């Protein structure tokens, strides 16, 4: 066994974790009062937790409140979307939002599916 193998391990016992998939939601908001976004985040966390579908990672909002992004991760983007879909469709400011399901690591050729909410 070489020095590097002793320090860092041989790599043979590395557990194959499922690839992390991502759901990104881009929405239009139009206000600096973020209380509705905060409430939606709470509902998303609950839905994701109850489904055991992954995790809510956070948001980015424009300084003027015009639009924002929500980031969610899990082993199955489709399962994650199914868990949060009822919450999104019940939220008035999510109408017209774009939901991108990314089926693997963020690379240029990673398969994606884009859904526009009614």
N, C-alpha and C. Protein backbone atom coordinates (compact mmCIF):
# COMPACT_ATOMS: atom_id res chain seq x y z
N UNK A 1 0.85 -1.18 0.00
CA UNK A 1 0.00 0.00 0.00
C UNK A 1 0.89 1.23 0.00
N UNK A 2 0.62 2.16 -0.92
CA UNK A 2 1.44 3.36 -1.03
C UNK A 2 1.09 4.38 0.04
N UNK A 3 1.92 5.41 0.11
CA UNK A 3 1.73 6.47 1.10
C UNK A 3 0.38 7.17 0.90
N UNK A 4 0.06 7.50 -0.34
CA UNK A 4 -1.21 8.19 -0.61
C UNK A 4 -2.41 7.32 -0.28
N UNK A 5 -2.30 6.03 -0.58
CA UNK A 5 -3.40 5.12 -0.27
C UNK A 5 -3.62 5.02 1.22
N UNK A 6 -2.52 5.03 1.99
CA UNK A 6 -2.66 4.96 3.44
C UNK A 6 -3.26 6.25 3.99
N UNK A 7 -2.91 7.37 3.41
CA UNK A 7 -3.45 8.65 3.88
C UNK A 7 -4.90 8.87 3.50
N UNK A 8 -5.22 8.54 2.25
CA UNK A 8 -6.54 8.87 1.73
C UNK A 8 -7.42 7.66 1.47
N UNK A 9 -6.91 6.47 1.69
CA UNK A 9 -7.68 5.27 1.41
C UNK A 9 -7.47 4.85 -0.03
N UNK A 10 -7.82 3.61 -0.29
CA UNK A 10 -7.56 3.06 -1.62
C UNK A 10 -8.63 3.42 -2.63
N UNK A 11 -9.78 3.85 -2.15
CA UNK A 11 -10.87 4.17 -3.08
C UNK A 11 -11.73 2.96 -3.39
N UNK A 12 -11.32 1.78 -2.96
CA UNK A 12 -12.09 0.57 -3.24
C UNK A 12 -13.34 0.48 -2.38
N UNK A 13 -13.31 1.11 -1.22
CA UNK A 13 -14.45 1.04 -0.31
C UNK A 13 -15.35 2.27 -0.41
N UNK A 14 -15.22 3.03 -1.47
CA UNK A 14 -16.04 4.22 -1.64
C UNK A 14 -17.48 3.79 -1.93
N UNK A 15 -18.39 4.32 -1.13
CA UNK A 15 -19.80 3.97 -1.31
C UNK A 15 -20.35 4.72 -2.51
N UNK A 16 -21.07 4.00 -3.35
CA UNK A 16 -21.66 4.63 -4.53
C UNK A 16 -22.98 5.28 -4.14
N UNK A 17 -22.94 6.57 -3.87
CA UNK A 17 -24.13 7.33 -3.53
C UNK A 17 -24.89 7.64 -4.81
N UNK A 18 -26.21 7.72 -4.73
CA UNK A 18 -26.96 8.09 -5.94
C UNK A 18 -26.58 9.50 -6.37
N UNK A 19 -26.59 9.75 -7.66
CA UNK A 19 -26.23 11.09 -8.12
C UNK A 19 -27.24 12.11 -7.60
N UNK A 20 -26.73 13.25 -7.23
CA UNK A 20 -27.60 14.31 -6.72
C UNK A 20 -28.29 14.99 -7.90
N UNK A 21 -29.59 15.07 -7.83
CA UNK A 21 -30.36 15.74 -8.86
C UNK A 21 -30.93 17.03 -8.28
N UNK A 22 -31.35 17.92 -9.17
CA UNK A 22 -31.70 19.27 -8.74
C UNK A 22 -33.02 19.70 -9.37
N UNK A 23 -33.77 20.49 -8.59
CA UNK A 23 -34.96 21.17 -9.09
C UNK A 23 -34.74 22.65 -8.82
N UNK A 24 -34.81 23.45 -9.89
CA UNK A 24 -34.64 24.90 -9.78
C UNK A 24 -35.94 25.54 -10.23
N UNK A 25 -36.46 26.42 -9.40
CA UNK A 25 -37.72 27.10 -9.70
C UNK A 25 -37.42 28.59 -9.89
N UNK A 26 -37.75 29.11 -11.07
CA UNK A 26 -37.61 30.54 -11.34
C UNK A 26 -39.01 31.13 -11.39
N UNK A 27 -39.23 32.16 -10.58
CA UNK A 27 -40.56 32.75 -10.49
C UNK A 27 -40.48 34.27 -10.47
N UNK A 28 -41.58 34.91 -10.83
CA UNK A 28 -41.71 36.37 -10.80
C UNK A 28 -42.48 36.73 -9.54
N UNK A 29 -42.01 37.75 -8.83
CA UNK A 29 -42.61 38.09 -7.54
C UNK A 29 -43.16 39.51 -7.52
N UNK A 30 -42.31 40.52 -7.67
CA UNK A 30 -42.78 41.90 -7.78
C UNK A 30 -43.05 42.62 -6.48
N UNK A 31 -42.37 42.25 -5.41
CA UNK A 31 -42.57 42.92 -4.13
C UNK A 31 -41.32 42.77 -3.28
N UNK A 32 -41.13 43.73 -2.38
CA UNK A 32 -40.04 43.63 -1.42
C UNK A 32 -40.52 43.02 -0.10
N UNK A 33 -41.80 42.73 -0.02
CA UNK A 33 -42.36 42.05 1.15
C UNK A 33 -42.27 40.55 0.88
N UNK A 34 -41.32 39.90 1.51
CA UNK A 34 -41.03 38.49 1.20
C UNK A 34 -41.78 37.50 2.08
N UNK A 35 -42.78 37.95 2.84
CA UNK A 35 -43.48 37.04 3.75
C UNK A 35 -44.12 35.86 3.02
N UNK A 36 -44.60 36.07 1.80
CA UNK A 36 -45.21 34.96 1.05
C UNK A 36 -44.16 33.96 0.57
N UNK A 37 -42.97 34.45 0.26
CA UNK A 37 -41.87 33.57 -0.13
C UNK A 37 -41.45 32.73 1.08
N UNK A 38 -41.34 33.37 2.25
CA UNK A 38 -40.96 32.64 3.46
C UNK A 38 -41.98 31.55 3.79
N UNK A 39 -43.25 31.89 3.65
CA UNK A 39 -44.31 30.89 3.93
C UNK A 39 -44.23 29.73 2.94
N UNK A 40 -43.98 30.05 1.67
CA UNK A 40 -43.84 28.99 0.67
C UNK A 40 -42.65 28.09 0.99
N UNK A 41 -41.55 28.68 1.41
CA UNK A 41 -40.37 27.89 1.78
C UNK A 41 -40.70 26.90 2.89
N UNK A 42 -41.45 27.34 3.88
CA UNK A 42 -41.85 26.45 4.98
C UNK A 42 -42.68 25.29 4.46
N UNK A 43 -43.63 25.58 3.57
CA UNK A 43 -44.49 24.53 3.01
C UNK A 43 -43.68 23.55 2.14
N UNK A 44 -42.72 24.07 1.40
CA UNK A 44 -41.87 23.21 0.58
C UNK A 44 -41.04 22.27 1.47
N UNK A 45 -40.47 22.82 2.53
CA UNK A 45 -39.68 21.98 3.45
C UNK A 45 -40.52 20.84 4.02
N UNK A 46 -41.75 21.16 4.40
CA UNK A 46 -42.64 20.14 4.97
C UNK A 46 -42.96 19.08 3.93
N UNK A 47 -43.33 19.50 2.72
CA UNK A 47 -43.69 18.55 1.66
C UNK A 47 -42.51 17.64 1.31
N UNK A 48 -41.32 18.21 1.22
CA UNK A 48 -40.13 17.43 0.89
C UNK A 48 -39.81 16.45 2.00
N UNK A 49 -39.90 16.90 3.24
CA UNK A 49 -39.61 16.05 4.38
C UNK A 49 -40.61 14.89 4.48
N UNK A 50 -41.89 15.19 4.32
CA UNK A 50 -42.91 14.14 4.40
C UNK A 50 -42.75 13.10 3.31
N UNK A 51 -42.29 13.51 2.14
CA UNK A 51 -42.10 12.58 1.02
C UNK A 51 -40.73 11.89 1.08
N UNK A 52 -39.85 12.38 1.94
CA UNK A 52 -38.49 11.85 1.99
C UNK A 52 -37.78 12.00 0.65
N UNK A 53 -38.04 13.14 -0.01
CA UNK A 53 -37.61 13.32 -1.40
C UNK A 53 -36.29 14.07 -1.55
N UNK A 54 -35.76 14.65 -0.51
CA UNK A 54 -34.53 15.42 -0.66
C UNK A 54 -34.46 16.55 0.33
N UNK A 55 -34.01 17.70 -0.14
CA UNK A 55 -33.85 18.84 0.75
C UNK A 55 -34.07 20.16 0.01
N UNK A 56 -34.57 21.13 0.75
CA UNK A 56 -34.69 22.50 0.24
C UNK A 56 -33.37 23.19 0.59
N UNK A 57 -32.72 23.79 -0.42
CA UNK A 57 -31.40 24.36 -0.20
C UNK A 57 -31.40 25.87 -0.04
N UNK A 58 -32.41 26.56 -0.51
CA UNK A 58 -32.44 28.00 -0.33
C UNK A 58 -32.96 28.75 -1.54
N UNK A 59 -32.82 30.07 -1.48
CA UNK A 59 -33.37 30.94 -2.52
C UNK A 59 -32.40 32.05 -2.86
N UNK A 60 -32.65 32.64 -4.01
CA UNK A 60 -32.00 33.88 -4.43
C UNK A 60 -33.12 34.80 -4.90
N UNK A 61 -33.10 36.04 -4.43
CA UNK A 61 -34.10 37.01 -4.84
C UNK A 61 -33.40 38.23 -5.42
N UNK A 62 -34.02 38.82 -6.44
CA UNK A 62 -33.51 40.07 -6.99
C UNK A 62 -33.63 41.17 -5.94
N UNK A 63 -32.73 42.11 -5.94
CA UNK A 63 -32.76 43.20 -4.95
C UNK A 63 -34.06 43.97 -4.97
N UNK A 64 -34.66 44.09 -6.14
CA UNK A 64 -35.92 44.83 -6.25
C UNK A 64 -37.14 43.93 -6.06
N UNK A 65 -36.94 42.65 -5.75
CA UNK A 65 -38.05 41.73 -5.51
C UNK A 65 -38.77 41.29 -6.76
N UNK A 66 -38.23 41.60 -7.93
CA UNK A 66 -38.94 41.30 -9.18
C UNK A 66 -39.05 39.80 -9.46
N UNK A 67 -38.01 39.05 -9.13
CA UNK A 67 -38.05 37.61 -9.38
C UNK A 67 -37.11 36.89 -8.42
N UNK A 68 -37.17 35.55 -8.48
CA UNK A 68 -36.33 34.78 -7.59
C UNK A 68 -36.16 33.36 -8.07
N UNK A 69 -35.30 32.65 -7.37
CA UNK A 69 -35.02 31.24 -7.65
C UNK A 69 -35.09 30.46 -6.35
N UNK A 70 -35.62 29.25 -6.41
CA UNK A 70 -35.62 28.33 -5.29
C UNK A 70 -34.83 27.10 -5.72
N UNK A 71 -34.03 26.55 -4.80
CA UNK A 71 -33.15 25.42 -5.13
C UNK A 71 -33.46 24.23 -4.22
N UNK A 72 -33.69 23.07 -4.86
CA UNK A 72 -33.98 21.85 -4.13
C UNK A 72 -33.12 20.73 -4.69
N UNK A 73 -32.72 19.81 -3.82
CA UNK A 73 -31.85 18.71 -4.24
C UNK A 73 -32.36 17.39 -3.68
N UNK A 74 -32.07 16.32 -4.41
CA UNK A 74 -32.42 14.99 -3.94
C UNK A 74 -31.94 13.94 -4.91
N UNK A 75 -32.15 12.67 -4.57
CA UNK A 75 -31.68 11.59 -5.45
C UNK A 75 -32.54 11.41 -6.70
N UNK A 76 -33.76 11.98 -6.72
CA UNK A 76 -34.68 11.79 -7.85
C UNK A 76 -35.46 13.09 -8.08
N UNK A 77 -35.11 13.82 -9.12
CA UNK A 77 -35.76 15.11 -9.40
C UNK A 77 -37.26 14.96 -9.67
N UNK A 78 -37.65 13.87 -10.32
CA UNK A 78 -39.08 13.65 -10.58
C UNK A 78 -39.86 13.47 -9.28
N UNK A 79 -39.32 12.67 -8.36
CA UNK A 79 -39.96 12.46 -7.07
C UNK A 79 -40.05 13.77 -6.30
N UNK A 80 -38.99 14.53 -6.34
CA UNK A 80 -38.96 15.83 -5.67
C UNK A 80 -40.03 16.75 -6.25
N UNK A 81 -40.14 16.79 -7.57
CA UNK A 81 -41.15 17.64 -8.20
C UNK A 81 -42.57 17.18 -7.83
N UNK A 82 -42.80 15.89 -7.84
CA UNK A 82 -44.13 15.39 -7.46
C UNK A 82 -44.49 15.77 -6.03
N UNK A 83 -43.50 15.79 -5.15
CA UNK A 83 -43.74 16.14 -3.75
C UNK A 83 -44.11 17.61 -3.59
N UNK A 84 -43.52 18.48 -4.38
CA UNK A 84 -43.73 19.92 -4.21
C UNK A 84 -44.77 20.51 -5.16
N UNK A 85 -45.14 19.77 -6.18
CA UNK A 85 -46.05 20.29 -7.19
C UNK A 85 -47.36 20.85 -6.61
N UNK A 86 -48.04 20.14 -5.70
CA UNK A 86 -49.27 20.72 -5.14
C UNK A 86 -49.04 22.03 -4.40
N UNK A 87 -47.91 22.15 -3.73
CA UNK A 87 -47.59 23.38 -3.00
C UNK A 87 -47.37 24.52 -3.99
N UNK A 88 -46.66 24.25 -5.06
CA UNK A 88 -46.40 25.29 -6.06
C UNK A 88 -47.68 25.75 -6.74
N UNK A 89 -48.51 24.82 -7.14
CA UNK A 89 -49.74 25.21 -7.86
C UNK A 89 -50.72 25.94 -6.96
N UNK A 90 -50.63 25.76 -5.64
CA UNK A 90 -51.51 26.45 -4.71
C UNK A 90 -51.04 27.88 -4.42
N UNK A 91 -49.83 28.21 -4.80
CA UNK A 91 -49.27 29.53 -4.53
C UNK A 91 -49.55 30.46 -5.71
N UNK A 92 -50.20 31.60 -5.45
CA UNK A 92 -50.60 32.51 -6.52
C UNK A 92 -49.41 33.08 -7.28
N UNK A 93 -48.29 33.35 -6.62
CA UNK A 93 -47.17 33.95 -7.34
C UNK A 93 -46.31 32.92 -8.07
N UNK A 94 -46.69 31.66 -8.00
CA UNK A 94 -45.97 30.64 -8.76
C UNK A 94 -46.57 30.42 -10.15
N UNK A 95 -47.70 31.05 -10.45
CA UNK A 95 -48.29 30.90 -11.78
C UNK A 95 -47.33 31.48 -12.83
N UNK A 96 -47.00 30.66 -13.83
CA UNK A 96 -46.06 31.07 -14.86
C UNK A 96 -44.60 30.80 -14.52
N UNK A 97 -44.36 30.25 -13.32
CA UNK A 97 -42.98 29.94 -12.93
C UNK A 97 -42.42 28.82 -13.80
N UNK A 98 -41.11 28.79 -13.93
CA UNK A 98 -40.42 27.76 -14.69
C UNK A 98 -39.71 26.83 -13.72
N UNK A 99 -39.99 25.54 -13.83
CA UNK A 99 -39.38 24.54 -12.97
C UNK A 99 -38.45 23.70 -13.85
N UNK A 100 -37.17 23.68 -13.50
CA UNK A 100 -36.18 22.90 -14.26
C UNK A 100 -35.75 21.71 -13.42
N UNK A 101 -35.98 20.52 -13.95
CA UNK A 101 -35.53 19.28 -13.32
C UNK A 101 -34.23 18.88 -13.98
N UNK A 102 -33.19 18.77 -13.20
CA UNK A 102 -31.87 18.41 -13.73
C UNK A 102 -31.51 17.03 -13.20
N UNK A 103 -31.28 16.09 -14.10
CA UNK A 103 -31.10 14.69 -13.75
C UNK A 103 -29.63 14.29 -13.66
N UNK A 104 -28.89 14.95 -12.82
CA UNK A 104 -27.48 14.63 -12.64
C UNK A 104 -26.70 15.87 -12.27
N UNK A 105 -25.38 15.73 -12.26
CA UNK A 105 -24.54 16.86 -11.87
C UNK A 105 -24.67 18.01 -12.86
N UNK A 106 -24.42 19.23 -12.39
CA UNK A 106 -24.57 20.39 -13.27
C UNK A 106 -23.49 20.46 -14.34
N UNK A 107 -23.74 19.80 -15.43
CA UNK A 107 -22.84 19.84 -16.58
C UNK A 107 -23.66 20.23 -17.79
N UNK A 108 -22.98 20.59 -18.85
CA UNK A 108 -23.67 21.07 -20.05
C UNK A 108 -24.58 20.02 -20.66
N UNK A 109 -24.18 18.77 -20.65
CA UNK A 109 -24.97 17.73 -21.31
C UNK A 109 -25.86 16.93 -20.36
N UNK A 110 -26.00 17.39 -19.13
CA UNK A 110 -26.88 16.71 -18.18
C UNK A 110 -28.32 16.84 -18.65
N UNK A 111 -29.06 15.73 -18.69
CA UNK A 111 -30.47 15.81 -19.13
C UNK A 111 -31.29 16.71 -18.20
N UNK A 112 -32.18 17.47 -18.82
CA UNK A 112 -33.06 18.39 -18.09
C UNK A 112 -34.47 18.29 -18.66
N UNK A 113 -35.42 18.65 -17.80
CA UNK A 113 -36.80 18.81 -18.26
C UNK A 113 -37.30 20.11 -17.67
N UNK A 114 -37.92 20.95 -18.50
CA UNK A 114 -38.41 22.24 -18.07
C UNK A 114 -39.93 22.23 -18.10
N UNK A 115 -40.53 22.65 -16.99
CA UNK A 115 -41.99 22.69 -16.84
C UNK A 115 -42.40 24.11 -16.56
N UNK A 116 -43.39 24.63 -17.26
CA UNK A 116 -43.94 25.94 -16.95
C UNK A 116 -45.26 25.73 -16.22
N UNK A 117 -45.35 26.30 -15.02
CA UNK A 117 -46.56 26.13 -14.21
C UNK A 117 -47.69 26.96 -14.80
N UNK A 118 -48.89 26.40 -14.81
CA UNK A 118 -50.04 27.16 -15.35
C UNK A 118 -50.40 28.35 -14.49
